[in-house]
Amino acid sequence: MLPERHVDTFREVSEFPDDEAKRMLEFVAETARAAGLDEYKVVVNVGEGAGQTVFHLHWHVLGGRIRGLAA
């Protein structure tokens, strides 16, 4: 899925048309499925204080489980 426009952070998601936001979430789920993941975590860092270092909207799909880490 190629971006249709540049978006700095997830904070701007409310500006997206509903169908575009839905397509992004579907893409995340399809990517996890294609990687063979049944259980995974989706992370989006919003702002420097939350660890965002690359300022375009992107999703981290993390597979597996780290024991002792709060869900």
PDB file of N, CA and C in Angstrom:
ATOM      1  N   MET A   1       0.847  -1.178   0.000  1.00  0.00           N
ATOM      2  CA  MET A   1       0.000   0.000   0.000  1.00  0.00           C
ATOM      3  C   MET A   1       0.888   1.235   0.000  1.00  0.00           C
ATOM      4  N   LEU A   2       0.774   2.022  -0.998  1.00  0.00           N
ATOM      5  CA  LEU A   2       1.553   3.248  -1.074  1.00  0.00           C
ATOM      6  C   LEU A   2       0.760   4.399  -0.470  1.00  0.00           C
ATOM      7  N   PRO A   3       1.426   5.248   0.296  1.00  0.00           N
ATOM      8  CA  PRO A   3       0.709   6.373   0.898  1.00  0.00           C
ATOM      9  C   PRO A   3       0.157   7.310  -0.173  1.00  0.00           C
ATOM     10  N   GLU A   4      -1.009   7.839   0.100  1.00  0.00           N
ATOM     11  CA  GLU A   4      -1.618   8.793  -0.825  1.00  0.00           C
ATOM     12  C   GLU A   4      -1.139  10.206  -0.536  1.00  0.00           C
ATOM     13  N   ARG A   5      -0.663  10.432   0.681  1.00  0.00           N
ATOM     14  CA  ARG A   5      -0.150  11.747   1.076  1.00  0.00           C
ATOM     15  C   ARG A   5       0.715  11.594   2.316  1.00  0.00           C
ATOM     16  N   HIS A   6       1.498  12.599   2.604  1.00  0.00           N
ATOM     17  CA  HIS A   6       2.359  12.552   3.781  1.00  0.00           C
ATOM     18  C   HIS A   6       1.563  12.917   5.019  1.00  0.00           C
ATOM     19  N   VAL A   7       1.742  12.126   6.069  1.00  0.00           N
ATOM     20  CA  VAL A   7       1.110  12.371   7.362  1.00  0.00           C
ATOM     21  C   VAL A   7       2.205  12.217   8.407  1.00  0.00           C
ATOM     22  N   ASP A   8       2.380  13.223   9.250  1.00  0.00           N
ATOM     23  CA  ASP A   8       3.457  13.187  10.251  1.00  0.00           C
ATOM     24  C   ASP A   8       3.232  12.154  11.344  1.00  0.00           C
ATOM     25  N   THR A   9       2.028  12.137  11.919  1.00  0.00           N
ATOM     26  CA  THR A   9       1.766  11.245  13.054  1.00  0.00           C
ATOM     27  C   THR A   9       0.343  10.708  13.009  1.00  0.00           C
ATOM     28  N   PHE A  10       0.097   9.727  13.840  1.00  0.00           N
ATOM     29  CA  PHE A  10      -1.236   9.148  14.003  1.00  0.00           C
ATOM     30  C   PHE A  10      -2.223  10.200  14.498  1.00  0.00           C
ATOM     31  N   ARG A  11      -1.728  11.226  15.132  1.00  0.00           N
ATOM     32  CA  ARG A  11      -2.563  12.312  15.647  1.00  0.00           C
ATOM     33  C   ARG A  11      -3.465  12.877  14.547  1.00  0.00           C
ATOM     34  N   GLU A  12      -3.026  12.800  13.307  1.00  0.00           N
ATOM     35  CA  GLU A  12      -3.765  13.360  12.174  1.00  0.00           C
ATOM     36  C   GLU A  12      -4.802  12.407  11.586  1.00  0.00           C
ATOM     37  N   VAL A  13      -4.970  11.232  12.168  1.00  0.00           N
ATOM     38  CA  VAL A  13      -5.859  10.226  11.588  1.00  0.00           C
ATOM     39  C   VAL A  13      -7.307  10.713  11.525  1.00  0.00           C
ATOM     40  N   SER A  14      -7.706  11.616  12.390  1.00  0.00           N
ATOM     41  CA  SER A  14      -9.094  12.111  12.357  1.00  0.00           C
ATOM     42  C   SER A  14      -9.382  12.905  11.085  1.00  0.00           C
ATOM     43  N   GLU A  15      -8.347  13.341  10.393  1.00  0.00           N
ATOM     44  CA  GLU A  15      -8.512  14.077   9.147  1.00  0.00           C
ATOM     45  C   GLU A  15      -8.721  13.164   7.941  1.00  0.00           C
ATOM     46  N   PHE A  16      -8.529  11.865   8.117  1.00  0.00           N
ATOM     47  CA  PHE A  16      -8.634  10.915   7.022  1.00  0.00           C
ATOM     48  C   PHE A  16     -10.098  10.623   6.714  1.00  0.00           C
ATOM     49  N   PRO A  17     -10.425  10.425   5.455  1.00  0.00           N
ATOM     50  CA  PRO A  17     -11.757   9.896   5.139  1.00  0.00           C
ATOM     51  C   PRO A  17     -11.881   8.503   5.769  1.00  0.00           C
ATOM     52  N   ASP A  18     -13.096   8.137   6.156  1.00  0.00           N
ATOM     53  CA  ASP A  18     -13.302   6.846   6.825  1.00  0.00           C
ATOM     54  C   ASP A  18     -12.734   5.672   6.036  1.00  0.00           C
ATOM     55  N   ASP A  19     -12.916   5.680   4.718  1.00  0.00           N
ATOM     56  CA  ASP A  19     -12.449   4.554   3.916  1.00  0.00           C
ATOM     57  C   ASP A  19     -10.924   4.463   3.920  1.00  0.00           C
ATOM     58  N   GLU A  20     -10.241   5.592   3.980  1.00  0.00           N
ATOM     59  CA  GLU A  20      -8.772   5.568   3.999  1.00  0.00           C
ATOM     60  C   GLU A  20      -8.252   5.027   5.334  1.00  0.00           C
ATOM     61  N   ALA A  21      -8.852   5.452   6.429  1.00  0.00           N
ATOM     62  CA  ALA A  21      -8.457   4.945   7.752  1.00  0.00           C
ATOM     63  C   ALA A  21      -8.714   3.438   7.824  1.00  0.00           C
ATOM     64  N   LYS A  22      -9.851   3.001   7.309  1.00  0.00           N
ATOM     65  CA  LYS A  22     -10.174   1.571   7.306  1.00  0.00           C
ATOM     66  C   LYS A  22      -9.167   0.787   6.474  1.00  0.00           C
ATOM     67  N   ARG A  23      -8.795   1.303   5.318  1.00  0.00           N
ATOM     68  CA  ARG A  23      -7.813   0.615   4.465  1.00  0.00           C
ATOM     69  C   ARG A  23      -6.471   0.468   5.167  1.00  0.00           C
ATOM     70  N   MET A  24      -6.064   1.491   5.930  1.00  0.00           N
ATOM     71  CA  MET A  24      -4.793   1.392   6.672  1.00  0.00           C
ATOM     72  C   MET A  24      -4.848   0.258   7.686  1.00  0.00           C
ATOM     73  N   LEU A  25      -5.938   0.186   8.442  1.00  0.00           N
ATOM     74  CA  LEU A  25      -6.065  -0.868   9.447  1.00  0.00           C
ATOM     75  C   LEU A  25      -6.154  -2.241   8.794  1.00  0.00           C
ATOM     76  N   GLU A  26      -6.859  -2.340   7.676  1.00  0.00           N
ATOM     77  CA  GLU A  26      -6.925  -3.611   6.950  1.00  0.00           C
ATOM     78  C   GLU A  26      -5.546  -4.023   6.465  1.00  0.00           C
ATOM     79  N   PHE A  27      -4.755  -3.060   6.007  1.00  0.00           N
ATOM     80  CA  PHE A  27      -3.402  -3.354   5.530  1.00  0.00           C
ATOM     81  C   PHE A  27      -2.535  -3.897   6.669  1.00  0.00           C
ATOM     82  N   VAL A  28      -2.656  -3.303   7.848  1.00  0.00           N
ATOM     83  CA  VAL A  28      -1.897  -3.786   9.007  1.00  0.00           C
ATOM     84  C   VAL A  28      -2.277  -5.242   9.297  1.00  0.00           C
ATOM     85  N   ALA A  29      -3.576  -5.536   9.326  1.00  0.00           N
ATOM     86  CA  ALA A  29      -4.034  -6.902   9.598  1.00  0.00           C
ATOM     87  C   ALA A  29      -3.587  -7.871   8.505  1.00  0.00           C
ATOM     88  N   GLU A  30      -3.672  -7.461   7.251  1.00  0.00           N
ATOM     89  CA  GLU A  30      -3.244  -8.318   6.142  1.00  0.00           C
ATOM     90  C   GLU A  30      -1.742  -8.580   6.192  1.00  0.00           C
ATOM     91  N   THR A  31      -0.974  -7.569   6.564  1.00  0.00           N
ATOM     92  CA  THR A  31       0.478  -7.728   6.671  1.00  0.00           C
ATOM     93  C   THR A  31       0.826  -8.745   7.743  1.00  0.00           C
ATOM     94  N   ALA A  32       0.167  -8.655   8.886  1.00  0.00           N
ATOM     95  CA  ALA A  32       0.408  -9.613   9.968  1.00  0.00           C
ATOM     96  C   ALA A  32       0.028 -11.022   9.520  1.00  0.00           C
ATOM     97  N   ARG A  33      -1.111 -11.147   8.861  1.00  0.00           N
ATOM     98  CA  ARG A  33      -1.569 -12.458   8.374  1.00  0.00           C
ATOM     99  C   ARG A  33      -0.574 -13.032   7.370  1.00  0.00           C
ATOM    100  N   ALA A  34      -0.093 -12.193   6.454  1.00  0.00           N
ATOM    101  CA  ALA A  34       0.858 -12.647   5.434  1.00  0.00           C
ATOM    102  C   ALA A  34       2.180 -13.085   6.064  1.00  0.00           C
ATOM    103  N   ALA A  35       2.515 -12.499   7.212  1.00  0.00           N
ATOM    104  CA  ALA A  35       3.744 -12.881   7.916  1.00  0.00           C
ATOM    105  C   ALA A  35       3.529 -14.119   8.783  1.00  0.00           C
ATOM    106  N   GLY A  36       2.308 -14.659   8.770  1.00  0.00           N
ATOM    107  CA  GLY A  36       2.017 -15.871   9.537  1.00  0.00           C
ATOM    108  C   GLY A  36       1.761 -15.601  11.012  1.00  0.00           C
ATOM    109  N   LEU A  37       1.411 -14.389  11.351  1.00  0.00           N
ATOM    110  CA  LEU A  37       1.188 -14.040  12.753  1.00  0.00           C
ATOM    111  C   LEU A  37      -0.282 -14.195  13.125  1.00  0.00           C
ATOM    112  N   ASP A  38      -0.543 -14.992  14.146  1.00  0.00           N
ATOM    113  CA  ASP A  38      -1.897 -15.116  14.686  1.00  0.00           C
ATOM    114  C   ASP A  38      -2.081 -14.161  15.862  1.00  0.00           C
ATOM    115  N   GLU A  39      -0.990 -13.935  16.570  1.00  0.00           N
ATOM    116  CA  GLU A  39      -1.009 -13.041  17.722  1.00  0.00           C
ATOM    117  C   GLU A  39       0.096 -12.016  17.529  1.00  0.00           C
ATOM    118  N   TYR A  40      -0.237 -10.769  17.707  1.00  0.00           N
ATOM    119  CA  TYR A  40       0.742  -9.712  17.476  1.00  0.00           C
ATOM    120  C   TYR A  40       0.283  -8.439  18.170  1.00  0.00           C
ATOM    121  N   LYS A  41       1.181  -7.499  18.231  1.00  0.00           N
ATOM    122  CA  LYS A  41       0.923  -6.197  18.820  1.00  0.00           C
ATOM    123  C   LYS A  41       1.157  -5.152  17.745  1.00  0.00           C
ATOM    124  N   VAL A  42       0.295  -4.138  17.686  1.00  0.00           N
ATOM    125  CA  VAL A  42       0.445  -3.038  16.740  1.00  0.00           C
ATOM    126  C   VAL A  42       0.772  -1.788  17.554  1.00  0.00           C
ATOM    127  N   VAL A  43       1.875  -1.128  17.196  1.00  0.00           N
ATOM    128  CA  VAL A  43       2.335   0.046  17.933  1.00  0.00           C
ATOM    129  C   VAL A  43       2.497   1.211  16.970  1.00  0.00           C
ATOM    130  N   VAL A  44       2.031   2.374  17.404  1.00  0.00           N
ATOM    131  CA  VAL A  44       2.243   3.613  16.664  1.00  0.00           C
ATOM    132  C   VAL A  44       2.759   4.642  17.665  1.00  0.00           C
ATOM    133  N   ASN A  45       3.970   5.110  17.470  1.00  0.00           N
ATOM    134  CA  ASN A  45       4.532   6.136  18.347  1.00  0.00           C
ATOM    135  C   ASN A  45       4.067   7.499  17.858  1.00  0.00           C
ATOM    136  N   VAL A  46       3.565   8.321  18.772  1.00  0.00           N
ATOM    137  CA  VAL A  46       3.043   9.646  18.410  1.00  0.00           C
ATOM    138  C   VAL A  46       3.822  10.706  19.178  1.00  0.00           C
ATOM    139  N   GLY A  47       4.743  11.364  18.496  1.00  0.00           N
ATOM    140  CA  GLY A  47       5.534  12.431  19.104  1.00  0.00           C
ATOM    141  C   GLY A  47       6.841  11.937  19.701  1.00  0.00           C
ATOM    142  N   GLU A  48       7.776  12.866  19.824  1.00  0.00           N
ATOM    143  CA  GLU A  48       9.106  12.529  20.349  1.00  0.00           C
ATOM    144  C   GLU A  48       9.047  11.915  21.732  1.00  0.00           C
ATOM    145  N   GLY A  49       8.162  12.439  22.588  1.00  0.00           N
ATOM    146  CA  GLY A  49       8.055  11.929  23.951  1.00  0.00           C
ATOM    147  C   GLY A  49       7.607  10.483  24.018  1.00  0.00           C
ATOM    148  N   ALA A  50       6.989  10.004  22.948  1.00  0.00           N
ATOM    149  CA  ALA A  50       6.537   8.614  22.880  1.00  0.00           C
ATOM    150  C   ALA A  50       7.493   7.746  22.075  1.00  0.00           C
ATOM    151  N   GLY A  51       8.634   8.328  21.697  1.00  0.00           N
ATOM    152  CA  GLY A  51       9.631   7.545  20.986  1.00  0.00           C
ATOM    153  C   GLY A  51       9.584   7.657  19.474  1.00  0.00           C
ATOM    154  N   GLN A  52       8.766   8.561  18.931  1.00  0.00           N
ATOM    155  CA  GLN A  52       8.734   8.700  17.472  1.00  0.00           C
ATOM    156  C   GLN A  52      10.006   9.407  17.015  1.00  0.00           C
ATOM    157  N   THR A  53      10.730   8.756  16.127  1.00  0.00           N
ATOM    158  CA  THR A  53      11.970   9.336  15.596  1.00  0.00           C
ATOM    159  C   THR A  53      11.890   9.550  14.085  1.00  0.00           C
ATOM    160  N   VAL A  54      10.931   8.916  13.442  1.00  0.00           N
ATOM    161  CA  VAL A  54      10.707   9.078  12.011  1.00  0.00           C
ATOM    162  C   VAL A  54       9.342   9.736  11.874  1.00  0.00           C
ATOM    163  N   PHE A  55       9.307  10.941  11.321  1.00  0.00           N
ATOM    164  CA  PHE A  55       8.063  11.702  11.330  1.00  0.00           C
ATOM    165  C   PHE A  55       7.254  11.545  10.056  1.00  0.00           C
ATOM    166  N   HIS A  56       6.758  10.312   9.911  1.00  0.00           N
ATOM    167  CA  HIS A  56       5.681   9.990   8.993  1.00  0.00           C
ATOM    168  C   HIS A  56       4.916   8.854   9.652  1.00  0.00           C
ATOM    169  N   LEU A  57       3.633   8.817   9.419  1.00  0.00           N
ATOM    170  CA  LEU A  57       2.807   7.789  10.044  1.00  0.00           C
ATOM    171  C   LEU A  57       3.249   6.419   9.565  1.00  0.00           C
ATOM    172  N   HIS A  58       3.561   5.558  10.509  1.00  0.00           N
ATOM    173  CA  HIS A  58       3.885   4.175  10.189  1.00  0.00           C
ATOM    174  C   HIS A  58       3.512   3.303  11.383  1.00  0.00           C
ATOM    175  N   TRP A  59       3.342   2.038  11.115  1.00  0.00           N
ATOM    176  CA  TRP A  59       2.864   1.079  12.103  1.00  0.00           C
ATOM    177  C   TRP A  59       3.948   0.049  12.361  1.00  0.00           C
ATOM    178  N   HIS A  60       4.092  -0.352  13.608  1.00  0.00           N
ATOM    179  CA  HIS A  60       5.004  -1.435  13.984  1.00  0.00           C
ATOM    180  C   HIS A  60       4.134  -2.643  14.304  1.00  0.00           C
ATOM    181  N   VAL A  61       4.348  -3.734  13.580  1.00  0.00           N
ATOM    182  CA  VAL A  61       3.619  -4.976  13.833  1.00  0.00           C
ATOM    183  C   VAL A  61       4.609  -5.918  14.499  1.00  0.00           C
ATOM    184  N   LEU A  62       4.368  -6.210  15.775  1.00  0.00           N
ATOM    185  CA  LEU A  62       5.303  -6.995  16.567  1.00  0.00           C
ATOM    186  C   LEU A  62       4.698  -8.365  16.859  1.00  0.00           C
ATOM    187  N   GLY A  63       5.355  -9.404  16.378  1.00  0.00           N
ATOM    188  CA  GLY A  63       4.863 -10.754  16.569  1.00  0.00           C
ATOM    189  C   GLY A  63       5.494 -11.413  17.779  1.00  0.00           C
ATOM    190  N   GLY A  64       4.829 -12.420  18.265  1.00  0.00           N
ATOM    191  CA  GLY A  64       5.346 -13.136  19.417  1.00  0.00           C
ATOM    192  C   GLY A  64       4.980 -12.444  20.708  1.00  0.00           C
ATOM    193  N   ARG A  65       5.510 -12.973  21.785  1.00  0.00           N
ATOM    194  CA  ARG A  65       5.178 -12.424  23.101  1.00  0.00           C
ATOM    195  C   ARG A  65       6.434 -12.351  23.943  1.00  0.00           C
ATOM    196  N   ILE A  66       6.587 -11.232  24.596  1.00  0.00           N
ATOM    197  CA  ILE A  66       7.702 -11.083  25.535  1.00  0.00           C
ATOM    198  C   ILE A  66       7.134 -11.296  26.928  1.00  0.00           C
ATOM    199  N   ARG A  67       7.568 -12.340  27.604  1.00  0.00           N
ATOM    200  CA  ARG A  67       7.057 -12.646  28.930  1.00  0.00           C
ATOM    201  C   ARG A  67       7.409 -11.549  29.918  1.00  0.00           C
ATOM    202  N   GLY A  68       6.437 -11.241  30.770  1.00  0.00           N
ATOM    203  CA  GLY A  68       6.658 -10.231  31.781  1.00  0.00           C
ATOM    204  C   GLY A  68       6.359  -8.821  31.326  1.00  0.00           C
ATOM    205  N   LEU A  69       6.060  -8.651  30.047  1.00  0.00           N
ATOM    206  CA  LEU A  69       5.742  -7.333  29.515  1.00  0.00           C
ATOM    207  C   LEU A  69       4.233  -7.116  29.604  1.00  0.00           C
ATOM    208  N   ALA A  70       3.822  -6.009  30.170  1.00  0.00           N
ATOM    209  CA  ALA A  70       2.391  -5.726  30.283  1.00  0.00           C
ATOM    210  C   ALA A  70       1.782  -5.572  28.897  1.00  0.00           C
ATOM    211  N   ALA A  71       0.587  -6.077  28.730  1.00  0.00           N
ATOM    212  CA  ALA A  71      -0.089  -6.026  27.425  1.00  0.00           C
ATOM    213  C   ALA A  71      -0.589  -4.687  27.090  1.00  0.00           C
TER     214      ALA A  71
END
